[in-house]
């Protein structure tokens, strides 16, 4: 089920420089798929944080030096209010599909293109036909 293509395997976890924290609005299978592809990924459930506030989720991602993977767009607003440069957030747009395997495929297919931005600090939105990158810190407003 989680067969990674050779091109995807070329983007090693070391190139990203961080692991992933998968938000509770995405399936734990997203973390499983990312792990299977050679990345360090943890679902919020593994920390016992399902149902936590967005602020607590951001704090955990920052404390663990992980890129937050979510479908929840409010994280950009919180990062702008905090004027912080971490953690990076990888937003999966819902119209991409609801199946974990589809979401993992989209992440892996685009990871090489956005790895440097995620390492530097950014909010990256993945949509079917585009990638939107906003470097941190975000300006409120």
N, C-alpha and C. Protein backbone atom coordinates (compact mmCIF):
# COMPACT_ATOMS: atom_id res chain seq x y z
N UNK A 1 0.82 -1.20 0.00
CA UNK A 1 0.00 0.00 0.00
C UNK A 1 0.85 1.26 0.00
N UNK A 2 2.01 1.25 0.64
CA UNK A 2 2.82 2.44 0.76
C UNK A 2 4.10 2.34 -0.05
N UNK A 3 4.04 1.84 -1.24
CA UNK A 3 5.23 1.73 -2.07
C UNK A 3 5.67 3.11 -2.51
N UNK A 4 6.88 3.48 -2.17
CA UNK A 4 7.41 4.79 -2.54
C UNK A 4 8.20 4.66 -3.83
N UNK A 5 8.05 5.63 -4.71
CA UNK A 5 8.80 5.62 -5.96
C UNK A 5 10.25 5.97 -5.67
N UNK A 6 11.19 5.58 -6.54
CA UNK A 6 12.59 5.94 -6.34
C UNK A 6 12.80 7.45 -6.24
N UNK A 7 12.04 8.23 -6.99
CA UNK A 7 12.19 9.70 -6.92
C UNK A 7 11.81 10.21 -5.55
N UNK A 8 10.77 9.66 -4.97
CA UNK A 8 10.34 10.09 -3.64
C UNK A 8 11.36 9.71 -2.59
N UNK A 9 11.94 8.54 -2.72
CA UNK A 9 12.92 8.09 -1.75
C UNK A 9 14.17 8.96 -1.79
N UNK A 10 14.39 9.66 -2.93
CA UNK A 10 15.55 10.54 -3.07
C UNK A 10 15.50 11.73 -2.14
N UNK A 11 14.34 12.09 -1.67
CA UNK A 11 14.21 13.19 -0.72
C UNK A 11 14.28 12.59 0.67
N UNK A 12 15.48 12.49 1.19
CA UNK A 12 15.69 11.85 2.48
C UNK A 12 15.24 12.77 3.60
N UNK A 13 14.93 12.16 4.72
CA UNK A 13 14.52 12.93 5.90
C UNK A 13 15.60 13.93 6.30
N UNK A 14 16.87 13.57 6.08
CA UNK A 14 17.96 14.48 6.44
C UNK A 14 17.92 15.76 5.61
N UNK A 15 17.45 15.67 4.37
CA UNK A 15 17.37 16.85 3.51
C UNK A 15 16.38 17.86 4.06
N UNK A 16 15.33 17.36 4.67
CA UNK A 16 14.34 18.25 5.26
C UNK A 16 14.86 18.83 6.56
N UNK A 17 15.59 18.05 7.31
CA UNK A 17 16.15 18.53 8.56
C UNK A 17 15.17 18.52 9.72
N UNK A 18 14.00 17.98 9.52
CA UNK A 18 12.99 17.93 10.58
C UNK A 18 12.05 16.77 10.33
N UNK A 19 11.42 16.34 11.39
CA UNK A 19 10.38 15.33 11.25
C UNK A 19 9.04 16.01 11.05
N UNK A 20 8.01 15.21 10.98
CA UNK A 20 6.65 15.71 10.79
C UNK A 20 5.81 15.42 12.01
N UNK A 21 4.92 16.35 12.34
CA UNK A 21 3.87 16.14 13.33
C UNK A 21 2.56 16.25 12.57
N UNK A 22 1.82 15.16 12.49
CA UNK A 22 0.58 15.13 11.73
C UNK A 22 -0.57 15.50 12.66
N UNK A 23 -1.32 16.51 12.28
CA UNK A 23 -2.43 17.04 13.07
C UNK A 23 -3.56 16.02 13.17
N UNK A 24 -4.38 16.19 14.17
CA UNK A 24 -5.49 15.26 14.42
C UNK A 24 -6.60 15.36 13.38
N UNK A 25 -6.58 16.41 12.54
CA UNK A 25 -7.59 16.48 11.48
C UNK A 25 -7.22 15.64 10.26
N UNK A 26 -6.07 15.00 10.32
CA UNK A 26 -5.64 14.06 9.29
C UNK A 26 -5.52 12.67 9.92
N UNK A 27 -5.65 11.67 9.11
CA UNK A 27 -5.58 10.29 9.57
C UNK A 27 -4.19 9.95 10.10
N UNK A 28 -4.12 9.11 11.13
CA UNK A 28 -2.82 8.60 11.58
C UNK A 28 -2.08 7.86 10.46
N UNK A 29 -2.82 7.40 9.45
CA UNK A 29 -2.20 6.71 8.33
C UNK A 29 -1.30 7.63 7.50
N UNK A 30 -1.50 8.94 7.60
CA UNK A 30 -0.60 9.88 6.94
C UNK A 30 0.79 9.75 7.56
N UNK A 31 0.87 9.69 8.88
CA UNK A 31 2.16 9.50 9.56
C UNK A 31 2.77 8.15 9.18
N UNK A 32 1.95 7.12 9.12
CA UNK A 32 2.43 5.79 8.74
C UNK A 32 3.04 5.83 7.34
N UNK A 33 2.36 6.47 6.41
CA UNK A 33 2.86 6.56 5.04
C UNK A 33 4.16 7.34 4.93
N UNK A 34 4.25 8.44 5.67
CA UNK A 34 5.49 9.22 5.66
C UNK A 34 6.64 8.43 6.28
N UNK A 35 6.36 7.72 7.35
CA UNK A 35 7.38 6.87 7.97
C UNK A 35 7.84 5.79 7.00
N UNK A 36 6.90 5.19 6.31
CA UNK A 36 7.22 4.13 5.36
C UNK A 36 8.14 4.65 4.25
N UNK A 37 7.98 5.92 3.90
CA UNK A 37 8.81 6.54 2.86
C UNK A 37 10.15 7.01 3.40
N UNK A 38 10.44 6.73 4.67
CA UNK A 38 11.74 7.06 5.24
C UNK A 38 11.80 8.34 6.04
N UNK A 39 10.66 8.94 6.33
CA UNK A 39 10.62 10.18 7.11
C UNK A 39 10.22 9.88 8.55
N UNK A 40 10.58 10.78 9.43
CA UNK A 40 10.21 10.67 10.84
C UNK A 40 8.90 11.43 11.04
N UNK A 41 7.82 10.69 11.19
CA UNK A 41 6.50 11.31 11.33
C UNK A 41 5.76 10.73 12.52
N UNK A 42 5.09 11.61 13.25
CA UNK A 42 4.32 11.23 14.44
C UNK A 42 2.95 11.89 14.33
N UNK A 43 1.92 11.14 14.66
CA UNK A 43 0.57 11.71 14.71
C UNK A 43 0.33 12.27 16.11
N UNK A 44 -0.45 13.34 16.21
CA UNK A 44 -0.76 13.94 17.52
C UNK A 44 -1.27 12.91 18.52
N UNK A 45 -1.98 11.93 18.03
CA UNK A 45 -2.53 10.87 18.89
C UNK A 45 -1.42 10.17 19.68
N UNK A 46 -0.23 10.03 19.06
CA UNK A 46 0.89 9.36 19.73
C UNK A 46 1.39 10.16 20.93
N UNK A 47 1.17 11.45 20.93
CA UNK A 47 1.51 12.30 22.07
C UNK A 47 0.34 12.46 23.04
N UNK A 48 -0.80 11.87 22.71
CA UNK A 48 -1.99 12.04 23.54
C UNK A 48 -2.56 13.44 23.46
N UNK A 49 -2.37 14.11 22.33
CA UNK A 49 -2.77 15.51 22.20
C UNK A 49 -3.99 15.73 21.32
N UNK A 50 -4.69 14.67 20.94
CA UNK A 50 -5.90 14.88 20.16
C UNK A 50 -6.85 15.73 20.98
N UNK A 51 -7.48 16.70 20.35
CA UNK A 51 -8.37 17.61 21.06
C UNK A 51 -7.66 18.79 21.70
N UNK A 52 -6.36 18.91 21.52
CA UNK A 52 -5.62 20.04 22.08
C UNK A 52 -5.91 21.31 21.30
N UNK A 53 -5.63 22.43 21.91
CA UNK A 53 -5.81 23.71 21.22
C UNK A 53 -4.76 23.86 20.11
N UNK A 54 -5.06 24.70 19.15
CA UNK A 54 -4.10 24.96 18.08
C UNK A 54 -2.79 25.52 18.63
N UNK A 55 -2.89 26.35 19.64
CA UNK A 55 -1.69 26.92 20.25
C UNK A 55 -0.81 25.83 20.85
N UNK A 56 -1.44 24.85 21.52
CA UNK A 56 -0.68 23.74 22.09
C UNK A 56 -0.07 22.85 21.01
N UNK A 57 -0.78 22.67 19.91
CA UNK A 57 -0.26 21.87 18.80
C UNK A 57 0.97 22.56 18.21
N UNK A 58 0.88 23.87 17.96
CA UNK A 58 2.04 24.60 17.45
C UNK A 58 3.22 24.53 18.41
N UNK A 59 2.94 24.66 19.69
CA UNK A 59 4.00 24.60 20.69
C UNK A 59 4.69 23.24 20.68
N UNK A 60 3.93 22.17 20.54
CA UNK A 60 4.52 20.82 20.51
C UNK A 60 5.37 20.65 19.25
N UNK A 61 4.86 21.10 18.10
CA UNK A 61 5.63 21.00 16.86
C UNK A 61 6.93 21.78 16.98
N UNK A 62 6.87 22.95 17.56
CA UNK A 62 8.06 23.77 17.73
C UNK A 62 9.04 23.13 18.70
N UNK A 63 8.55 22.65 19.83
CA UNK A 63 9.41 22.04 20.85
C UNK A 63 10.10 20.79 20.33
N UNK A 64 9.43 20.05 19.46
CA UNK A 64 9.98 18.82 18.91
C UNK A 64 10.68 19.04 17.57
N UNK A 65 10.77 20.30 17.12
CA UNK A 65 11.40 20.65 15.85
C UNK A 65 10.80 19.85 14.70
N UNK A 66 9.47 19.83 14.63
CA UNK A 66 8.76 19.09 13.59
C UNK A 66 7.96 20.04 12.72
N UNK A 67 7.81 19.68 11.46
CA UNK A 67 6.93 20.39 10.55
C UNK A 67 5.52 19.90 10.82
N UNK A 68 4.61 20.82 11.08
CA UNK A 68 3.22 20.45 11.33
C UNK A 68 2.51 20.22 10.01
N UNK A 69 1.91 19.04 9.85
CA UNK A 69 1.14 18.70 8.65
C UNK A 69 -0.33 18.75 9.06
N UNK A 70 -1.10 19.60 8.39
CA UNK A 70 -2.48 19.81 8.80
C UNK A 70 -3.35 20.20 7.60
N UNK A 71 -4.65 20.12 7.81
CA UNK A 71 -5.61 20.64 6.84
C UNK A 71 -6.29 21.89 7.40
N UNK A 72 -5.83 22.33 8.55
CA UNK A 72 -6.45 23.44 9.29
C UNK A 72 -5.72 24.74 8.98
N UNK A 73 -6.39 25.67 8.33
CA UNK A 73 -5.74 26.90 7.87
C UNK A 73 -5.52 27.94 8.97
N UNK A 74 -6.08 27.76 10.14
CA UNK A 74 -5.91 28.75 11.21
C UNK A 74 -4.49 28.82 11.76
N UNK A 75 -3.67 27.85 11.45
CA UNK A 75 -2.29 27.88 11.97
C UNK A 75 -1.52 29.08 11.42
N UNK A 76 -1.80 29.49 10.20
CA UNK A 76 -1.15 30.67 9.64
C UNK A 76 -1.47 31.93 10.43
N UNK A 77 -2.73 32.05 10.83
CA UNK A 77 -3.16 33.21 11.63
C UNK A 77 -2.43 33.21 12.97
N UNK A 78 -2.35 32.06 13.60
CA UNK A 78 -1.65 31.97 14.89
C UNK A 78 -0.17 32.30 14.76
N UNK A 79 0.46 31.80 13.70
CA UNK A 79 1.87 32.10 13.50
C UNK A 79 2.08 33.60 13.25
N UNK A 80 1.16 34.24 12.55
CA UNK A 80 1.28 35.68 12.31
C UNK A 80 1.15 36.45 13.62
N UNK A 81 0.22 36.04 14.46
CA UNK A 81 0.06 36.70 15.76
C UNK A 81 1.30 36.54 16.63
N UNK A 82 1.90 35.36 16.56
CA UNK A 82 3.08 35.07 17.39
C UNK A 82 4.36 35.66 16.80
N UNK A 83 4.33 36.02 15.51
CA UNK A 83 5.50 36.56 14.80
C UNK A 83 6.73 35.67 15.01
N UNK A 84 6.53 34.39 14.86
CA UNK A 84 7.58 33.42 15.09
C UNK A 84 8.08 32.84 13.77
N UNK A 85 9.23 32.24 13.81
CA UNK A 85 9.80 31.62 12.60
C UNK A 85 9.69 30.10 12.63
N UNK A 86 9.04 29.57 13.63
CA UNK A 86 8.87 28.12 13.74
C UNK A 86 7.61 27.84 14.54
N UNK A 87 6.97 26.74 14.28
CA UNK A 87 7.33 25.67 13.36
C UNK A 87 6.80 25.96 11.95
N UNK A 88 7.37 25.27 10.99
CA UNK A 88 6.81 25.33 9.64
C UNK A 88 5.53 24.52 9.61
N UNK A 89 4.63 24.90 8.71
CA UNK A 89 3.35 24.21 8.58
C UNK A 89 3.17 23.81 7.12
N UNK A 90 2.80 22.57 6.91
CA UNK A 90 2.49 22.04 5.58
C UNK A 90 0.99 21.80 5.54
N UNK A 91 0.28 22.66 4.79
CA UNK A 91 -1.18 22.59 4.72
C UNK A 91 -1.61 21.73 3.54
N UNK A 92 -2.44 20.75 3.83
CA UNK A 92 -3.00 19.89 2.81
C UNK A 92 -4.41 20.37 2.56
N UNK A 93 -4.67 20.82 1.35
CA UNK A 93 -6.00 21.29 1.01
C UNK A 93 -6.94 20.11 0.88
N UNK A 94 -8.10 20.19 1.46
CA UNK A 94 -9.06 19.09 1.49
C UNK A 94 -9.47 18.60 0.10
N UNK A 95 -9.51 19.50 -0.87
CA UNK A 95 -9.96 19.05 -2.19
C UNK A 95 -8.97 18.09 -2.85
N UNK A 96 -7.80 17.91 -2.24
CA UNK A 96 -6.83 16.96 -2.78
C UNK A 96 -7.28 15.52 -2.61
N UNK A 97 -8.21 15.29 -1.76
CA UNK A 97 -8.65 13.93 -1.49
C UNK A 97 -8.62 13.67 0.00
N UNK A 98 -9.47 12.79 0.42
CA UNK A 98 -9.58 12.52 1.85
C UNK A 98 -8.83 11.27 2.28
N UNK A 99 -8.40 10.49 1.34
CA UNK A 99 -7.69 9.26 1.68
C UNK A 99 -6.25 9.58 2.06
N UNK A 100 -5.80 8.91 3.11
CA UNK A 100 -4.43 9.14 3.59
C UNK A 100 -3.40 8.87 2.50
N UNK A 101 -3.59 7.82 1.73
CA UNK A 101 -2.63 7.48 0.69
C UNK A 101 -2.50 8.61 -0.34
N UNK A 102 -3.62 9.25 -0.69
CA UNK A 102 -3.58 10.38 -1.63
C UNK A 102 -2.83 11.55 -1.02
N UNK A 103 -3.07 11.82 0.25
CA UNK A 103 -2.41 12.94 0.92
C UNK A 103 -0.91 12.70 1.03
N UNK A 104 -0.53 11.47 1.36
CA UNK A 104 0.89 11.14 1.44
C UNK A 104 1.55 11.29 0.07
N UNK A 105 0.88 10.84 -0.97
CA UNK A 105 1.43 10.97 -2.32
C UNK A 105 1.67 12.43 -2.68
N UNK A 106 0.73 13.30 -2.37
CA UNK A 106 0.88 14.72 -2.67
C UNK A 106 2.05 15.30 -1.88
N UNK A 107 2.18 14.94 -0.63
CA UNK A 107 3.30 15.44 0.18
C UNK A 107 4.63 14.98 -0.42
N UNK A 108 4.74 13.69 -0.67
CA UNK A 108 5.99 13.15 -1.18
C UNK A 108 6.33 13.68 -2.57
N UNK A 109 5.33 13.85 -3.41
CA UNK A 109 5.57 14.35 -4.76
C UNK A 109 6.06 15.79 -4.77
N UNK A 110 5.75 16.56 -3.73
CA UNK A 110 6.11 17.98 -3.68
C UNK A 110 7.18 18.31 -2.66
N UNK A 111 7.61 17.35 -1.89
CA UNK A 111 8.51 17.62 -0.77
C UNK A 111 9.85 18.20 -1.23
N UNK A 112 10.40 17.66 -2.28
CA UNK A 112 11.69 18.17 -2.74
C UNK A 112 11.61 19.65 -3.10
N UNK A 113 10.50 20.07 -3.70
CA UNK A 113 10.32 21.46 -4.12
C UNK A 113 10.18 22.42 -2.95
N UNK A 114 9.71 21.94 -1.80
CA UNK A 114 9.44 22.84 -0.68
C UNK A 114 10.33 22.57 0.54
N UNK A 115 11.22 21.60 0.47
CA UNK A 115 12.04 21.22 1.63
C UNK A 115 12.85 22.39 2.17
N UNK A 116 13.49 23.16 1.30
CA UNK A 116 14.30 24.29 1.76
C UNK A 116 13.44 25.33 2.47
N UNK A 117 12.24 25.57 1.96
CA UNK A 117 11.34 26.54 2.59
C UNK A 117 10.89 26.04 3.96
N UNK A 118 10.54 24.76 4.05
CA UNK A 118 10.12 24.20 5.33
C UNK A 118 11.25 24.22 6.34
N UNK A 119 12.47 23.99 5.88
CA UNK A 119 13.62 24.03 6.78
C UNK A 119 13.87 25.45 7.27
N UNK A 120 13.71 26.44 6.39
CA UNK A 120 13.95 27.83 6.75
C UNK A 120 12.83 28.42 7.61
N UNK A 121 11.62 27.87 7.50
CA UNK A 121 10.46 28.37 8.23
C UNK A 121 9.45 28.95 7.27
N UNK A 122 8.35 28.22 7.07
CA UNK A 122 7.34 28.66 6.11
C UNK A 122 6.01 27.98 6.37
N UNK A 123 4.97 28.58 5.82
CA UNK A 123 3.67 27.93 5.71
C UNK A 123 3.55 27.57 4.24
N UNK A 124 3.43 26.28 3.96
CA UNK A 124 3.36 25.79 2.59
C UNK A 124 1.99 25.15 2.40
N UNK A 125 1.26 25.64 1.42
CA UNK A 125 -0.04 25.08 1.09
C UNK A 125 0.06 24.27 -0.19
N UNK A 126 -0.37 23.02 -0.12
CA UNK A 126 -0.38 22.15 -1.29
C UNK A 126 -1.80 22.01 -1.81
N UNK A 127 -2.01 22.44 -3.04
CA UNK A 127 -3.29 22.27 -3.71
C UNK A 127 -3.06 21.41 -4.95
N UNK A 128 -4.14 21.02 -5.60
CA UNK A 128 -4.02 20.14 -6.76
C UNK A 128 -3.17 20.73 -7.86
N UNK A 129 -3.27 22.04 -8.06
CA UNK A 129 -2.61 22.65 -9.20
C UNK A 129 -1.56 23.69 -8.85
N UNK A 130 -1.24 23.83 -7.57
CA UNK A 130 -0.26 24.84 -7.18
C UNK A 130 0.28 24.59 -5.79
N UNK A 131 1.38 25.27 -5.53
CA UNK A 131 2.00 25.29 -4.22
C UNK A 131 2.09 26.75 -3.81
N UNK A 132 1.66 27.05 -2.61
CA UNK A 132 1.78 28.42 -2.10
C UNK A 132 2.74 28.40 -0.92
N UNK A 133 3.73 29.26 -0.96
CA UNK A 133 4.75 29.31 0.08
C UNK A 133 4.78 30.71 0.68
N UNK A 134 4.64 30.77 1.99
CA UNK A 134 4.75 32.04 2.72
C UNK A 134 5.82 31.85 3.79
N UNK A 135 6.90 32.58 3.68
CA UNK A 135 8.00 32.46 4.64
C UNK A 135 7.61 33.06 6.00
N UNK A 136 8.15 32.46 7.03
CA UNK A 136 7.95 32.95 8.39
C UNK A 136 9.06 33.93 8.73
N UNK A 137 8.82 34.94 9.56
CA UNK A 137 7.55 35.20 10.23
C UNK A 137 6.53 35.84 9.29
N UNK A 138 5.27 35.50 9.53
CA UNK A 138 4.18 36.09 8.78
C UNK A 138 3.81 37.42 9.43
N UNK A 139 3.38 38.34 8.62
CA UNK A 139 2.94 39.62 9.15
C UNK A 139 1.46 39.56 9.45
N UNK A 140 1.03 40.00 10.63
CA UNK A 140 -0.40 39.98 10.95
C UNK A 140 -1.16 40.95 10.06
N UNK A 141 -2.41 40.63 9.83
CA UNK A 141 -3.21 41.58 9.09
C UNK A 141 -3.97 40.92 8.04
